[in-house]
Amino acid sequence: MTQPWDRIDAGTLLIAGQPISLPHPVKEVLHNNDRLLILVEPPPDVIFNRNVFALSMHGERLWQIEESPYGAEVDKPYINLHCDKNGLVIAGNWNGLSYSVDLHNGAVSVDAFEK
């Protein structure tokens, strides 16, 4: 199966050869049905906790993920994305929580605590 996007070049996502404007370099892309889920990686000195975006296959921004509602730390970005065995999109957070992501609006709910 081919990717619905062209490639990631130096942290920039390209769709149909056109760069997609995102606030930080792309770390991960997950294709899920009719959308792309994009995990961006902010620099270490930047607090940017809503670092997952859903884009249409044409690069239109559909939503930005809800910030992790748990954890006393100010800096708590998501660090990975994957689909579980049931097809749910899971966003992992460095504080040990994994969240199920609502694909319609980017809302999150706790899926697991791993620490």
PDB file of N, CA and C in Angstrom:
ATOM      1  N   MET A   1       0.843  -1.187   0.000  1.00  0.00           N
ATOM      2  CA  MET A   1       0.000   0.000   0.000  1.00  0.00           C
ATOM      3  C   MET A   1       0.884   1.244   0.000  1.00  0.00           C
ATOM      4  N   THR A   2       0.562   2.194  -0.833  1.00  0.00           N
ATOM      5  CA  THR A   2       1.349   3.411  -0.899  1.00  0.00           C
ATOM      6  C   THR A   2       0.850   4.413   0.130  1.00  0.00           C
ATOM      7  N   GLN A   3       1.742   5.320   0.499  1.00  0.00           N
ATOM      8  CA  GLN A   3       1.378   6.352   1.463  1.00  0.00           C
ATOM      9  C   GLN A   3       0.500   7.402   0.789  1.00  0.00           C
ATOM     10  N   PRO A   4      -0.479   7.969   1.515  1.00  0.00           N
ATOM     11  CA  PRO A   4      -1.327   9.011   0.939  1.00  0.00           C
ATOM     12  C   PRO A   4      -0.624  10.363   0.877  1.00  0.00           C
ATOM     13  N   TRP A   5       0.539  10.459   1.458  1.00  0.00           N
ATOM     14  CA  TRP A   5       1.326  11.681   1.396  1.00  0.00           C
ATOM     15  C   TRP A   5       2.601  11.354   0.634  1.00  0.00           C
ATOM     16  N   ASP A   6       3.300  12.368   0.199  1.00  0.00           N
ATOM     17  CA  ASP A   6       4.526  12.141  -0.557  1.00  0.00           C
ATOM     18  C   ASP A   6       5.659  11.689   0.343  1.00  0.00           C
ATOM     19  N   ARG A   7       5.960  12.524   1.328  1.00  0.00           N
ATOM     20  CA  ARG A   7       7.093  12.193   2.200  1.00  0.00           C
ATOM     21  C   ARG A   7       7.226  13.243   3.305  1.00  0.00           C
ATOM     22  N   ILE A   8       8.094  12.925   4.227  1.00  0.00           N
ATOM     23  CA  ILE A   8       8.506  13.899   5.238  1.00  0.00           C
ATOM     24  C   ILE A   8       9.932  14.266   4.881  1.00  0.00           C
ATOM     25  N   ASP A   9      10.178  15.535   4.692  1.00  0.00           N
ATOM     26  CA  ASP A   9      11.503  16.013   4.307  1.00  0.00           C
ATOM     27  C   ASP A   9      11.964  17.032   5.344  1.00  0.00           C
ATOM     28  N   ALA A  10      12.979  16.669   6.115  1.00  0.00           N
ATOM     29  CA  ALA A  10      13.523  17.550   7.156  1.00  0.00           C
ATOM     30  C   ALA A  10      12.421  18.047   8.091  1.00  0.00           C
ATOM     31  N   GLY A  11      11.498  17.151   8.453  1.00  0.00           N
ATOM     32  CA  GLY A  11      10.442  17.499   9.389  1.00  0.00           C
ATOM     33  C   GLY A  11       9.231  18.171   8.764  1.00  0.00           C
ATOM     34  N   THR A  12       9.231  18.339   7.441  1.00  0.00           N
ATOM     35  CA  THR A  12       8.107  18.959   6.744  1.00  0.00           C
ATOM     36  C   THR A  12       7.323  17.890   5.997  1.00  0.00           C
ATOM     37  N   LEU A  13       6.021  17.873   6.202  1.00  0.00           N
ATOM     38  CA  LEU A  13       5.156  16.942   5.495  1.00  0.00           C
ATOM     39  C   LEU A  13       4.840  17.516   4.124  1.00  0.00           C
ATOM     40  N   LEU A  14       4.984  16.676   3.091  1.00  0.00           N
ATOM     41  CA  LEU A  14       4.652  17.079   1.731  1.00  0.00           C
ATOM     42  C   LEU A  14       3.475  16.247   1.247  1.00  0.00           C
ATOM     43  N   ILE A  15       2.430  16.906   0.763  1.00  0.00           N
ATOM     44  CA  ILE A  15       1.278  16.242   0.160  1.00  0.00           C
ATOM     45  C   ILE A  15       1.170  16.768  -1.262  1.00  0.00           C
ATOM     46  N   ALA A  16       1.173  15.847  -2.207  1.00  0.00           N
ATOM     47  CA  ALA A  16       1.162  16.206  -3.633  1.00  0.00           C
ATOM     48  C   ALA A  16       2.291  17.189  -3.939  1.00  0.00           C
ATOM     49  N   GLY A  17       3.426  16.988  -3.286  1.00  0.00           N
ATOM     50  CA  GLY A  17       4.599  17.819  -3.522  1.00  0.00           C
ATOM     51  C   GLY A  17       4.578  19.172  -2.847  1.00  0.00           C
ATOM     52  N   GLN A  18       3.483  19.503  -2.152  1.00  0.00           N
ATOM     53  CA  GLN A  18       3.355  20.813  -1.505  1.00  0.00           C
ATOM     54  C   GLN A  18       3.619  20.694  -0.007  1.00  0.00           C
ATOM     55  N   PRO A  19       4.433  21.577   0.561  1.00  0.00           N
ATOM     56  CA  PRO A  19       4.678  21.539   2.007  1.00  0.00           C
ATOM     57  C   PRO A  19       3.428  21.945   2.783  1.00  0.00           C
ATOM     58  N   ILE A  20       3.177  21.243   3.868  1.00  0.00           N
ATOM     59  CA  ILE A  20       2.045  21.533   4.737  1.00  0.00           C
ATOM     60  C   ILE A  20       2.579  22.304   5.943  1.00  0.00           C
ATOM     61  N   SER A  21       1.989  23.441   6.211  1.00  0.00           N
ATOM     62  CA  SER A  21       2.452  24.300   7.300  1.00  0.00           C
ATOM     63  C   SER A  21       2.008  23.746   8.650  1.00  0.00           C
ATOM     64  N   LEU A  22       3.000  23.398   9.462  1.00  0.00           N
ATOM     65  CA  LEU A  22       2.759  22.934  10.830  1.00  0.00           C
ATOM     66  C   LEU A  22       3.717  23.692  11.746  1.00  0.00           C
ATOM     67  N   PRO A  23       3.376  23.827  13.026  1.00  0.00           N
ATOM     68  CA  PRO A  23       4.174  24.686  13.904  1.00  0.00           C
ATOM     69  C   PRO A  23       5.544  24.131  14.289  1.00  0.00           C
ATOM     70  N   HIS A  24       5.752  22.826  14.144  1.00  0.00           N
ATOM     71  CA  HIS A  24       7.026  22.200  14.512  1.00  0.00           C
ATOM     72  C   HIS A  24       7.301  21.044  13.564  1.00  0.00           C
ATOM     73  N   PRO A  25       8.523  20.524  13.554  1.00  0.00           N
ATOM     74  CA  PRO A  25       8.853  19.413  12.658  1.00  0.00           C
ATOM     75  C   PRO A  25       7.994  18.173  12.918  1.00  0.00           C
ATOM     76  N   VAL A  26       7.683  17.474  11.839  1.00  0.00           N
ATOM     77  CA  VAL A  26       6.880  16.254  11.915  1.00  0.00           C
ATOM     78  C   VAL A  26       7.747  15.107  12.423  1.00  0.00           C
ATOM     79  N   LYS A  27       7.246  14.429  13.439  1.00  0.00           N
ATOM     80  CA  LYS A  27       7.936  13.267  13.994  1.00  0.00           C
ATOM     81  C   LYS A  27       7.319  11.973  13.475  1.00  0.00           C
ATOM     82  N   GLU A  28       5.987  11.965  13.334  1.00  0.00           N
ATOM     83  CA  GLU A  28       5.284  10.741  12.986  1.00  0.00           C
ATOM     84  C   GLU A  28       4.015  11.070  12.213  1.00  0.00           C
ATOM     85  N   VAL A  29       3.677  10.188  11.254  1.00  0.00           N
ATOM     86  CA  VAL A  29       2.428  10.310  10.496  1.00  0.00           C
ATOM     87  C   VAL A  29       1.716   8.974  10.569  1.00  0.00           C
ATOM     88  N   LEU A  30       0.443   9.004  10.917  1.00  0.00           N
ATOM     89  CA  LEU A  30      -0.380   7.804  10.990  1.00  0.00           C
ATOM     90  C   LEU A  30      -1.579   7.996  10.065  1.00  0.00           C
ATOM     91  N   HIS A  31      -1.712   7.101   9.104  1.00  0.00           N
ATOM     92  CA  HIS A  31      -2.842   7.163   8.174  1.00  0.00           C
ATOM     93  C   HIS A  31      -3.989   6.390   8.795  1.00  0.00           C
ATOM     94  N   ASN A  32      -5.134   7.055   8.955  1.00  0.00           N
ATOM     95  CA  ASN A  32      -6.301   6.407   9.546  1.00  0.00           C
ATOM     96  C   ASN A  32      -7.529   6.787   8.740  1.00  0.00           C
ATOM     97  N   ASN A  33      -8.030   5.827   7.966  1.00  0.00           N
ATOM     98  CA  ASN A  33      -9.201   6.041   7.106  1.00  0.00           C
ATOM     99  C   ASN A  33      -8.998   7.236   6.188  1.00  0.00           C
ATOM    100  N   ASP A  34      -9.784   8.284   6.367  1.00  0.00           N
ATOM    101  CA  ASP A  34      -9.746   9.428   5.455  1.00  0.00           C
ATOM    102  C   ASP A  34      -8.923  10.590   5.975  1.00  0.00           C
ATOM    103  N   ARG A  35      -8.037  10.330   6.921  1.00  0.00           N
ATOM    104  CA  ARG A  35      -7.249  11.426   7.480  1.00  0.00           C
ATOM    105  C   ARG A  35      -5.840  10.987   7.826  1.00  0.00           C
ATOM    106  N   LEU A  36      -5.012  11.980   7.995  1.00  0.00           N
ATOM    107  CA  LEU A  36      -3.647  11.773   8.455  1.00  0.00           C
ATOM    108  C   LEU A  36      -3.542  12.354   9.854  1.00  0.00           C
ATOM    109  N   LEU A  37      -2.971  11.602  10.757  1.00  0.00           N
ATOM    110  CA  LEU A  37      -2.714  12.099  12.104  1.00  0.00           C
ATOM    111  C   LEU A  37      -1.225  12.406  12.177  1.00  0.00           C
ATOM    112  N   ILE A  38      -0.916  13.613  12.562  1.00  0.00           N
ATOM    113  CA  ILE A  38       0.444  14.121  12.524  1.00  0.00           C
ATOM    114  C   ILE A  38       0.907  14.450  13.937  1.00  0.00           C
ATOM    115  N   LEU A  39       2.008  13.849  14.351  1.00  0.00           N
ATOM    116  CA  LEU A  39       2.640  14.164  15.629  1.00  0.00           C
ATOM    117  C   LEU A  39       3.832  15.058  15.318  1.00  0.00           C
ATOM    118  N   VAL A  40       3.817  16.269  15.863  1.00  0.00           N
ATOM    119  CA  VAL A  40       4.954  17.174  15.674  1.00  0.00           C
ATOM    120  C   VAL A  40       5.778  17.188  16.952  1.00  0.00           C
ATOM    121  N   GLU A  41       7.066  17.497  16.781  1.00  0.00           N
ATOM    122  CA  GLU A  41       7.975  17.486  17.927  1.00  0.00           C
ATOM    123  C   GLU A  41       8.513  18.890  18.174  1.00  0.00           C
ATOM    124  N   PRO A  42       7.997  19.541  19.235  1.00  0.00           N
ATOM    125  CA  PRO A  42       8.507  20.876  19.565  1.00  0.00           C
ATOM    126  C   PRO A  42       9.928  20.774  20.110  1.00  0.00           C
ATOM    127  N   PRO A  43      10.718  21.835  19.990  1.00  0.00           N
ATOM    128  CA  PRO A  43      12.056  21.835  20.575  1.00  0.00           C
ATOM    129  C   PRO A  43      11.977  21.703  22.099  1.00  0.00           C
ATOM    130  N   PRO A  44      13.045  21.235  22.729  1.00  0.00           N
ATOM    131  CA  PRO A  44      13.036  21.015  24.188  1.00  0.00           C
ATOM    132  C   PRO A  44      12.694  22.258  25.016  1.00  0.00           C
ATOM    133  N   ASP A  45      12.988  23.435  24.512  1.00  0.00           N
ATOM    134  CA  ASP A  45      12.748  24.659  25.286  1.00  0.00           C
ATOM    135  C   ASP A  45      11.388  25.293  24.985  1.00  0.00           C
ATOM    136  N   VAL A  46      10.519  24.590  24.247  1.00  0.00           N
ATOM    137  CA  VAL A  46       9.207  25.114  23.875  1.00  0.00           C
ATOM    138  C   VAL A  46       8.124  24.219  24.460  1.00  0.00           C
ATOM    139  N   ILE A  47       7.175  24.821  25.160  1.00  0.00           N
ATOM    140  CA  ILE A  47       6.035  24.063  25.688  1.00  0.00           C
ATOM    141  C   ILE A  47       4.923  24.113  24.647  1.00  0.00           C
ATOM    142  N   PHE A  48       4.588  22.938  24.135  1.00  0.00           N
ATOM    143  CA  PHE A  48       3.568  22.815  23.092  1.00  0.00           C
ATOM    144  C   PHE A  48       2.905  21.461  23.286  1.00  0.00           C
ATOM    145  N   ASN A  49       1.884  21.418  24.127  1.00  0.00           N
ATOM    146  CA  ASN A  49       1.280  20.150  24.554  1.00  0.00           C
ATOM    147  C   ASN A  49       0.212  19.612  23.607  1.00  0.00           C
ATOM    148  N   ARG A  50      -0.285  20.419  22.723  1.00  0.00           N
ATOM    149  CA  ARG A  50      -1.318  19.970  21.771  1.00  0.00           C
ATOM    150  C   ARG A  50      -0.644  19.672  20.433  1.00  0.00           C
ATOM    151  N   ASN A  51       0.264  18.706  20.452  1.00  0.00           N
ATOM    152  CA  ASN A  51       1.164  18.481  19.326  1.00  0.00           C
ATOM    153  C   ASN A  51       0.746  17.356  18.380  1.00  0.00           C
ATOM    154  N   VAL A  52      -0.554  17.073  18.323  1.00  0.00           N
ATOM    155  CA  VAL A  52      -1.087  16.118  17.344  1.00  0.00           C
ATOM    156  C   VAL A  52      -2.193  16.831  16.561  1.00  0.00           C
ATOM    157  N   PHE A  53      -2.127  16.666  15.233  1.00  0.00           N
ATOM    158  CA  PHE A  53      -3.100  17.287  14.341  1.00  0.00           C
ATOM    159  C   PHE A  53      -3.727  16.225  13.458  1.00  0.00           C
ATOM    160  N   ALA A  54      -4.969  16.435  13.066  1.00  0.00           N
ATOM    161  CA  ALA A  54      -5.607  15.617  12.038  1.00  0.00           C
ATOM    162  C   ALA A  54      -5.719  16.476  10.799  1.00  0.00           C
ATOM    163  N   LEU A  55      -5.298  15.908   9.675  1.00  0.00           N
ATOM    164  CA  LEU A  55      -5.382  16.592   8.390  1.00  0.00           C
ATOM    165  C   LEU A  55      -6.180  15.739   7.428  1.00  0.00           C
ATOM    166  N   SER A  56      -6.872  16.404   6.510  1.00  0.00           N
ATOM    167  CA  SER A  56      -7.509  15.673   5.421  1.00  0.00           C
ATOM    168  C   SER A  56      -6.398  15.182   4.493  1.00  0.00           C
ATOM    169  N   MET A  57      -6.751  14.336   3.560  1.00  0.00           N
ATOM    170  CA  MET A  57      -5.771  13.831   2.601  1.00  0.00           C
ATOM    171  C   MET A  57      -5.260  14.933   1.667  1.00  0.00           C
ATOM    172  N   HIS A  58      -5.892  16.105   1.716  1.00  0.00           N
ATOM    173  CA  HIS A  58      -5.470  17.244   0.904  1.00  0.00           C
ATOM    174  C   HIS A  58      -4.678  18.253   1.723  1.00  0.00           C
ATOM    175  N   GLY A  59      -4.467  17.964   3.017  1.00  0.00           N
ATOM    176  CA  GLY A  59      -3.675  18.846   3.858  1.00  0.00           C
ATOM    177  C   GLY A  59      -4.461  19.861   4.655  1.00  0.00           C
ATOM    178  N   GLU A  60      -5.787  19.792   4.606  1.00  0.00           N
ATOM    179  CA  GLU A  60      -6.620  20.721   5.375  1.00  0.00           C
ATOM    180  C   GLU A  60      -6.619  20.291   6.848  1.00  0.00           C
ATOM    181  N   ARG A  61      -6.375  21.237   7.746  1.00  0.00           N
ATOM    182  CA  ARG A  61      -6.368  20.936   9.177  1.00  0.00           C
ATOM    183  C   ARG A  61      -7.796  20.725   9.656  1.00  0.00           C
ATOM    184  N   LEU A  62      -8.066  19.554  10.254  1.00  0.00           N
ATOM    185  CA  LEU A  62      -9.394  19.202  10.743  1.00  0.00           C
ATOM    186  C   LEU A  62      -9.547  19.493  12.227  1.00  0.00           C
ATOM    187  N   TRP A  63      -8.517  19.174  13.010  1.00  0.00           N
ATOM    188  CA  TRP A  63      -8.533  19.470  14.438  1.00  0.00           C
ATOM    189  C   TRP A  63      -7.129  19.359  15.011  1.00  0.00           C
ATOM    190  N   GLN A  64      -6.998  19.868  16.226  1.00  0.00           N
ATOM    191  CA  GLN A  64      -5.770  19.760  17.013  1.00  0.00           C
ATOM    192  C   GLN A  64      -6.152  19.058  18.308  1.00  0.00           C
ATOM    193  N   ILE A  65      -5.327  18.118  18.749  1.00  0.00           N
ATOM    194  CA  ILE A  65      -5.631  17.290  19.910  1.00  0.00           C
ATOM    195  C   ILE A  65      -5.822  18.120  21.180  1.00  0.00           C
ATOM    196  N   GLU A  66      -6.648  17.605  22.061  1.00  0.00           N
ATOM    197  CA  GLU A  66      -6.843  18.197  23.383  1.00  0.00           C
ATOM    198  C   GLU A  66      -5.566  17.975  24.211  1.00  0.00           C
ATOM    199  N   GLU A  67      -5.233  18.939  25.035  1.00  0.00           N
ATOM    200  CA  GLU A  67      -4.080  18.787  25.921  1.00  0.00           C
ATOM    201  C   GLU A  67      -4.350  17.687  26.943  1.00  0.00           C
ATOM    202  N   SER A  68      -3.307  16.969  27.335  1.00  0.00           N
ATOM    203  CA  SER A  68      -3.429  15.949  28.364  1.00  0.00           C
ATOM    204  C   SER A  68      -4.003  16.581  29.630  1.00  0.00           C
ATOM    205  N   PRO A  69      -5.157  16.093  30.110  1.00  0.00           N
ATOM    206  CA  PRO A  69      -5.787  16.717  31.272  1.00  0.00           C
ATOM    207  C   PRO A  69      -5.149  16.296  32.598  1.00  0.00           C
ATOM    208  N   TYR A  70      -4.217  15.353  32.563  1.00  0.00           N
ATOM    209  CA  TYR A  70      -3.615  14.847  33.802  1.00  0.00           C
ATOM    210  C   TYR A  70      -2.127  15.136  33.841  1.00  0.00           C
ATOM    211  N   GLY A  71      -1.612  15.222  35.047  1.00  0.00           N
ATOM    212  CA  GLY A  71      -0.196  15.479  35.261  1.00  0.00           C
ATOM    213  C   GLY A  71       0.014  16.887  35.768  1.00  0.00           C
ATOM    214  N   ALA A  72       0.875  17.018  36.755  1.00  0.00           N
ATOM    215  CA  ALA A  72       1.134  18.318  37.368  1.00  0.00           C
ATOM    216  C   ALA A  72       2.158  19.124  36.572  1.00  0.00           C
ATOM    217  N   GLU A  73       2.875  18.480  35.659  1.00  0.00           N
ATOM    218  CA  GLU A  73       3.892  19.162  34.882  1.00  0.00           C
ATOM    219  C   GLU A  73       3.248  20.110  33.872  1.00  0.00           C
ATOM    220  N   VAL A  74       3.931  21.189  33.612  1.00  0.00           N
ATOM    221  CA  VAL A  74       3.452  22.128  32.611  1.00  0.00           C
ATOM    222  C   VAL A  74       3.726  21.579  31.207  1.00  0.00           C
ATOM    223  N   ASP A  75       4.887  20.966  31.037  1.00  0.00           N
ATOM    224  CA  ASP A  75       5.313  20.446  29.743  1.00  0.00           C
ATOM    225  C   ASP A  75       4.977  18.960  29.656  1.00  0.00           C
ATOM    226  N   LYS A  76       3.953  18.610  28.869  1.00  0.00           N
ATOM    227  CA  LYS A  76       3.532  17.211  28.760  1.00  0.00           C
ATOM    228  C   LYS A  76       3.008  16.897  27.354  1.00  0.00           C
ATOM    229  N   PRO A  77       3.893  17.032  26.353  1.00  0.00           N
ATOM    230  CA  PRO A  77       3.467  16.741  24.988  1.00  0.00           C
ATOM    231  C   PRO A  77       3.275  15.238  24.775  1.00  0.00           C
ATOM    232  N   TYR A  78       2.584  14.902  23.710  1.00  0.00           N
ATOM    233  CA  TYR A  78       2.437  13.501  23.320  1.00  0.00           C
ATOM    234  C   TYR A  78       3.735  13.060  22.648  1.00  0.00           C
ATOM    235  N   ILE A  79       4.093  11.792  22.816  1.00  0.00           N
ATOM    236  CA  ILE A  79       5.370  11.331  22.272  1.00  0.00           C
ATOM    237  C   ILE A  79       5.240  10.251  21.199  1.00  0.00           C
ATOM    238  N   ASN A  80       4.050   9.651  21.063  1.00  0.00           N
ATOM    239  CA  ASN A  80       3.874   8.650  20.009  1.00  0.00           C
ATOM    240  C   ASN A  80       2.400   8.473  19.683  1.00  0.00           C
ATOM    241  N   LEU A  81       2.171   7.863  18.530  1.00  0.00           N
ATOM    242  CA  LEU A  81       0.820   7.551  18.040  1.00  0.00           C
ATOM    243  C   LEU A  81       0.822   6.129  17.498  1.00  0.00           C
ATOM    244  N   HIS A  82      -0.262   5.407  17.734  1.00  0.00           N
ATOM    245  CA  HIS A  82      -0.419   4.099  17.107  1.00  0.00           C
ATOM    246  C   HIS A  82      -1.885   3.689  17.141  1.00  0.00           C
ATOM    247  N   CYS A  83      -2.222   2.681  16.354  1.00  0.00           N
ATOM    248  CA  CYS A  83      -3.559   2.088  16.398  1.00  0.00           C
ATOM    249  C   CYS A  83      -3.463   0.812  17.224  1.00  0.00           C
ATOM    250  N   ASP A  84      -4.399   0.629  18.138  1.00  0.00           N
ATOM    251  CA  ASP A  84      -4.390  -0.589  18.937  1.00  0.00           C
ATOM    252  C   ASP A  84      -5.086  -1.713  18.166  1.00  0.00           C
ATOM    253  N   LYS A  85      -5.181  -2.891  18.776  1.00  0.00           N
ATOM    254  CA  LYS A  85      -5.749  -4.060  18.098  1.00  0.00           C
ATOM    255  C   LYS A  85      -7.221  -3.885  17.731  1.00  0.00           C
ATOM    256  N   ASN A  86      -7.909  -2.918  18.375  1.00  0.00           N
ATOM    257  CA  ASN A  86      -9.314  -2.635  18.074  1.00  0.00           C
ATOM    258  C   ASN A  86      -9.491  -1.490  17.073  1.00  0.00           C
ATOM    259  N   GLY A  87      -8.382  -0.952  16.589  1.00  0.00           N
ATOM    260  CA  GLY A  87      -8.451   0.136  15.621  1.00  0.00           C
ATOM    261  C   GLY A  87      -8.550   1.517  16.227  1.00  0.00           C
ATOM    262  N   LEU A  88      -8.467   1.620  17.563  1.00  0.00           N
ATOM    263  CA  LEU A  88      -8.491   2.937  18.205  1.00  0.00           C
ATOM    264  C   LEU A  88      -7.124   3.597  18.074  1.00  0.00           C
ATOM    265  N   VAL A  89      -7.133   4.900  17.882  1.00  0.00           N
ATOM    266  CA  VAL A  89      -5.884   5.646  17.842  1.00  0.00           C
ATOM    267  C   VAL A  89      -5.499   5.988  19.274  1.00  0.00           C
ATOM    268  N   ILE A  90      -4.256   5.653  19.620  1.00  0.00           N
ATOM    269  CA  ILE A  90      -3.734   5.883  20.959  1.00  0.00           C
ATOM    270  C   ILE A  90      -2.564   6.858  20.875  1.00  0.00           C
ATOM    271  N   ALA A  91      -2.613   7.891  21.706  1.00  0.00           N
ATOM    272  CA  ALA A  91      -1.526   8.869  21.814  1.00  0.00           C
ATOM    273  C   ALA A  91      -0.858   8.667  23.168  1.00  0.00           C
ATOM    274  N   GLY A  92       0.429   8.373  23.139  1.00  0.00           N
ATOM    275  CA  GLY A  92       1.177   8.175  24.379  1.00  0.00           C
ATOM    276  C   GLY A  92       1.770   9.475  24.860  1.00  0.00           C
ATOM    277  N   ASN A  93       1.807   9.619  26.174  1.00  0.00           N
ATOM    278  CA  ASN A  93       2.354  10.814  26.805  1.00  0.00           C
ATOM    279  C   ASN A  93       3.534  10.384  27.662  1.00  0.00           C
ATOM    280  N   TRP A  94       4.551  11.207  27.769  1.00  0.00           N
ATOM    281  CA  TRP A  94       5.750  10.815  28.501  1.00  0.00           C
ATOM    282  C   TRP A  94       5.488  10.611  29.994  1.00  0.00           C
ATOM    283  N   ASN A  95       4.374  11.101  30.520  1.00  0.00           N
ATOM    284  CA  ASN A  95       4.082  10.936  31.941  1.00  0.00           C
ATOM    285  C   ASN A  95       3.452   9.576  32.263  1.00  0.00           C
ATOM    286  N   GLY A  96       3.432   8.663  31.264  1.00  0.00           N
ATOM    287  CA  GLY A  96       2.964   7.301  31.513  1.00  0.00           C
ATOM    288  C   GLY A  96       1.526   7.036  31.149  1.00  0.00           C
ATOM    289  N   LEU A  97       0.808   8.051  30.716  1.00  0.00           N
ATOM    290  CA  LEU A  97      -0.586   7.860  30.319  1.00  0.00           C
ATOM    291  C   LEU A  97      -0.699   7.679  28.818  1.00  0.00           C
ATOM    292  N   SER A  98      -1.567   6.789  28.422  1.00  0.00           N
ATOM    293  CA  SER A  98      -1.927   6.636  27.019  1.00  0.00           C
ATOM    294  C   SER A  98      -3.389   7.029  26.891  1.00  0.00           C
ATOM    295  N   TYR A  99      -3.689   7.772  25.838  1.00  0.00           N
ATOM    296  CA  TYR A  99      -5.031   8.286  25.630  1.00  0.00           C
ATOM    297  C   TYR A  99      -5.628   7.751  24.335  1.00  0.00           C
ATOM    298  N   SER A 100      -6.892   7.409  24.393  1.00  0.00           N
ATOM    299  CA  SER A 100      -7.666   7.107  23.200  1.00  0.00           C
ATOM    300  C   SER A 100      -8.082   8.455  22.615  1.00  0.00           C
ATOM    301  N   VAL A 101      -7.906   8.606  21.297  1.00  0.00           N
ATOM    302  CA  VAL A 101      -8.184   9.886  20.636  1.00  0.00           C
ATOM    303  C   VAL A 101      -9.480   9.782  19.832  1.00  0.00           C
ATOM    304  N   ASP A 102     -10.394  10.709  20.073  1.00  0.00           N
ATOM    305  CA  ASP A 102     -11.632  10.782  19.300  1.00  0.00           C
ATOM    306  C   ASP A 102     -11.279  11.348  17.928  1.00  0.00           C
ATOM    307  N   LEU A 103     -11.476  10.571  16.877  1.00  0.00           N
ATOM    308  CA  LEU A 103     -11.072  10.986  15.538  1.00  0.00           C
ATOM    309  C   LEU A 103     -11.945  12.081  14.945  1.00  0.00           C
ATOM    310  N   HIS A 104     -13.065  12.396  15.575  1.00  0.00           N
ATOM    311  CA  HIS A 104     -13.935  13.457  15.065  1.00  0.00           C
ATOM    312  C   HIS A 104     -13.506  14.835  15.536  1.00  0.00           C
ATOM    313  N   ASN A 105     -12.908  14.903  16.754  1.00  0.00           N
ATOM    314  CA  ASN A 105     -12.610  16.228  17.292  1.00  0.00           C
ATOM    315  C   ASN A 105     -11.302  16.351  18.077  1.00  0.00           C
ATOM    316  N   GLY A 106     -10.556  15.269  18.248  1.00  0.00           N
ATOM    317  CA  GLY A 106      -9.277  15.344  18.947  1.00  0.00           C
ATOM    318  C   GLY A 106      -9.384  15.293  20.464  1.00  0.00           C
ATOM    319  N   ALA A 107     -10.579  15.034  20.992  1.00  0.00           N
ATOM    320  CA  ALA A 107     -10.734  14.889  22.447  1.00  0.00           C
ATOM    321  C   ALA A 107     -10.035  13.591  22.872  1.00  0.00           C
ATOM    322  N   VAL A 108      -9.555  13.562  24.105  1.00  0.00           N
ATOM    323  CA  VAL A 108      -8.842  12.383  24.605  1.00  0.00           C
ATOM    324  C   VAL A 108      -9.522  11.827  25.847  1.00  0.00           C
ATOM    325  N   SER A 109      -9.363  10.520  26.035  1.00  0.00           N
ATOM    326  CA  SER A 109      -9.794   9.857  27.273  1.00  0.00           C
ATOM    327  C   SER A 109      -8.732   8.840  27.631  1.00  0.00           C
ATOM    328  N   VAL A 110      -8.506   8.647  28.912  1.00  0.00           N
ATOM    329  CA  VAL A 110      -7.446   7.752  29.374  1.00  0.00           C
ATOM    330  C   VAL A 110      -7.713   6.335  28.884  1.00  0.00           C
ATOM    331  N   ASP A 111      -6.695   5.746  28.297  1.00  0.00           N
ATOM    332  CA  ASP A 111      -6.745   4.361  27.841  1.00  0.00           C
ATOM    333  C   ASP A 111      -5.980   3.468  28.807  1.00  0.00           C
ATOM    334  N   ALA A 112      -4.793   3.903  29.240  1.00  0.00           N
ATOM    335  CA  ALA A 112      -3.968   3.080  30.127  1.00  0.00           C
ATOM    336  C   ALA A 112      -2.962   3.962  30.864  1.00  0.00           C
ATOM    337  N   PHE A 113      -2.560   3.476  32.049  1.00  0.00           N
ATOM    338  CA  PHE A 113      -1.477   4.083  32.814  1.00  0.00           C
ATOM    339  C   PHE A 113      -0.359   3.071  32.835  1.00  0.00           C
ATOM    340  N   GLU A 114       0.815   3.461  32.342  1.00  0.00           N
ATOM    341  CA  GLU A 114       1.888   2.505  32.117  1.00  0.00           C
ATOM    342  C   GLU A 114       3.085   2.666  33.028  1.00  0.00           C
ATOM    343  N   LYS A 115       3.033   3.497  34.047  1.00  0.00           N
ATOM    344  CA  LYS A 115       4.200   3.658  34.928  1.00  0.00           C
ATOM    345  C   LYS A 115       3.912   3.105  36.281  1.00  0.00           C
TER     346      LYS A 115
END
